[in-house]
Amino acid sequence: MHLDAVFWGSIISVLLAVIIIGYLVFKVIRLMNEDAERHKSEQQPH
């Protein structure tokens, strides 16, 4: 029983880490894409 708790705890921790990292990477990629679109639409120099 104790080993099961440790096992599931580590699996849940790994899953949470993967989800958080994936979410951050997704947000960064989306921000970079939005920036690229913005730069494409404002070609005129400021």
N, C-alpha and C. Protein backbone atom coordinates (compact mmCIF):
# COMPACT_ATOMS: atom_id res chain seq x y z
N MET A 1 0.83 -1.20 0.00
CA MET A 1 0.00 0.00 0.00
C MET A 1 0.87 1.25 0.00
N HIS A 2 1.92 1.24 0.85
CA HIS A 2 2.79 2.42 0.92
C HIS A 2 3.48 2.65 -0.43
N LEU A 3 3.97 1.57 -1.04
CA LEU A 3 4.63 1.70 -2.34
C LEU A 3 3.66 2.25 -3.37
N ASP A 4 2.40 1.80 -3.32
CA ASP A 4 1.41 2.31 -4.26
C ASP A 4 1.25 3.82 -4.12
N ALA A 5 1.17 4.30 -2.89
CA ALA A 5 1.00 5.74 -2.65
C ALA A 5 2.19 6.51 -3.23
N VAL A 6 3.40 6.02 -2.96
CA VAL A 6 4.59 6.71 -3.48
C VAL A 6 4.58 6.67 -5.00
N PHE A 7 4.24 5.50 -5.56
CA PHE A 7 4.20 5.34 -7.01
C PHE A 7 3.23 6.31 -7.64
N TRP A 8 1.99 6.35 -7.13
CA TRP A 8 1.00 7.27 -7.70
C TRP A 8 1.38 8.72 -7.46
N GLY A 9 1.97 9.00 -6.32
CA GLY A 9 2.41 10.37 -6.05
C GLY A 9 3.43 10.83 -7.07
N SER A 10 4.39 9.97 -7.38
CA SER A 10 5.42 10.36 -8.35
C SER A 10 4.81 10.48 -9.74
N ILE A 11 3.89 9.59 -10.09
CA ILE A 11 3.27 9.66 -11.42
C ILE A 11 2.47 10.95 -11.54
N ILE A 12 1.72 11.30 -10.50
CA ILE A 12 0.93 12.54 -10.54
C ILE A 12 1.86 13.75 -10.63
N SER A 13 2.95 13.73 -9.89
CA SER A 13 3.90 14.85 -9.95
C SER A 13 4.46 15.00 -11.36
N VAL A 14 4.85 13.89 -11.97
CA VAL A 14 5.39 13.94 -13.34
C VAL A 14 4.33 14.47 -14.30
N LEU A 15 3.10 13.98 -14.16
CA LEU A 15 2.03 14.44 -15.04
C LEU A 15 1.81 15.94 -14.89
N LEU A 16 1.77 16.41 -13.64
CA LEU A 16 1.58 17.85 -13.41
C LEU A 16 2.71 18.64 -14.04
N ALA A 17 3.95 18.18 -13.87
CA ALA A 17 5.09 18.89 -14.44
C ALA A 17 4.97 18.94 -15.96
N VAL A 18 4.60 17.82 -16.59
CA VAL A 18 4.46 17.78 -18.05
C VAL A 18 3.37 18.74 -18.50
N ILE A 19 2.23 18.74 -17.78
CA ILE A 19 1.12 19.62 -18.15
C ILE A 19 1.54 21.08 -18.03
N ILE A 20 2.20 21.43 -16.94
CA ILE A 20 2.60 22.83 -16.72
C ILE A 20 3.61 23.25 -17.79
N ILE A 21 4.61 22.40 -18.06
CA ILE A 21 5.62 22.76 -19.06
C ILE A 21 4.98 22.87 -20.44
N GLY A 22 4.11 21.93 -20.78
CA GLY A 22 3.43 21.99 -22.07
C GLY A 22 2.60 23.26 -22.20
N TYR A 23 1.91 23.64 -21.11
CA TYR A 23 1.09 24.85 -21.14
C TYR A 23 1.96 26.08 -21.35
N LEU A 24 3.08 26.15 -20.64
CA LEU A 24 3.98 27.30 -20.79
C LEU A 24 4.54 27.37 -22.21
N VAL A 25 4.98 26.22 -22.74
CA VAL A 25 5.52 26.21 -24.10
C VAL A 25 4.45 26.66 -25.09
N PHE A 26 3.21 26.16 -24.89
CA PHE A 26 2.12 26.54 -25.79
C PHE A 26 1.88 28.05 -25.73
N LYS A 27 1.87 28.61 -24.51
CA LYS A 27 1.64 30.05 -24.37
C LYS A 27 2.76 30.84 -25.04
N VAL A 28 4.01 30.42 -24.86
CA VAL A 28 5.14 31.14 -25.46
C VAL A 28 5.04 31.09 -26.99
N ILE A 29 4.72 29.91 -27.53
CA ILE A 29 4.62 29.78 -28.99
C ILE A 29 3.48 30.67 -29.50
N ARG A 30 2.35 30.69 -28.78
CA ARG A 30 1.23 31.51 -29.23
C ARG A 30 1.60 32.99 -29.19
N LEU A 31 2.28 33.40 -28.13
CA LEU A 31 2.70 34.81 -28.03
C LEU A 31 3.66 35.15 -29.17
N MET A 32 4.60 34.25 -29.47
CA MET A 32 5.55 34.51 -30.56
C MET A 32 4.81 34.61 -31.89
N ASN A 33 3.81 33.75 -32.10
CA ASN A 33 3.04 33.81 -33.35
C ASN A 33 2.27 35.12 -33.44
N GLU A 34 1.66 35.55 -32.33
CA GLU A 34 0.93 36.82 -32.33
C GLU A 34 1.89 37.97 -32.63
N ASP A 35 3.08 37.94 -32.03
CA ASP A 35 4.08 38.98 -32.30
C ASP A 35 4.45 38.99 -33.77
N ALA A 36 4.67 37.82 -34.35
CA ALA A 36 5.04 37.75 -35.77
C ALA A 36 3.92 38.33 -36.63
N GLU A 37 2.67 37.98 -36.31
CA GLU A 37 1.55 38.52 -37.08
C GLU A 37 1.51 40.04 -36.96
N ARG A 38 1.71 40.54 -35.73
CA ARG A 38 1.67 41.98 -35.51
C ARG A 38 2.76 42.66 -36.33
N HIS A 39 3.97 42.07 -36.34
CA HIS A 39 5.07 42.68 -37.08
C HIS A 39 4.80 42.62 -38.58
N LYS A 40 4.16 41.55 -39.03
CA LYS A 40 3.83 41.47 -40.46
C LYS A 40 2.83 42.56 -40.83
N SER A 41 1.84 42.81 -39.96
CA SER A 41 0.81 43.79 -40.30
C SER A 41 1.33 45.22 -40.16
N GLU A 42 2.28 45.47 -39.26
CA GLU A 42 2.84 46.84 -39.19
C GLU A 42 4.21 46.84 -39.86
N GLN A 43 4.22 46.89 -41.15
CA GLN A 43 5.49 46.95 -41.87
C GLN A 43 6.06 48.36 -41.87
N GLN A 44 5.21 49.37 -41.76
CA GLN A 44 5.70 50.75 -41.82
C GLN A 44 6.57 51.06 -40.61
N PRO A 45 7.69 51.78 -40.78
CA PRO A 45 8.56 52.14 -39.65
C PRO A 45 7.90 53.20 -38.77
N HIS A 46 8.23 53.15 -37.48
CA HIS A 46 7.64 54.11 -36.53
C HIS A 46 8.50 55.36 -36.49
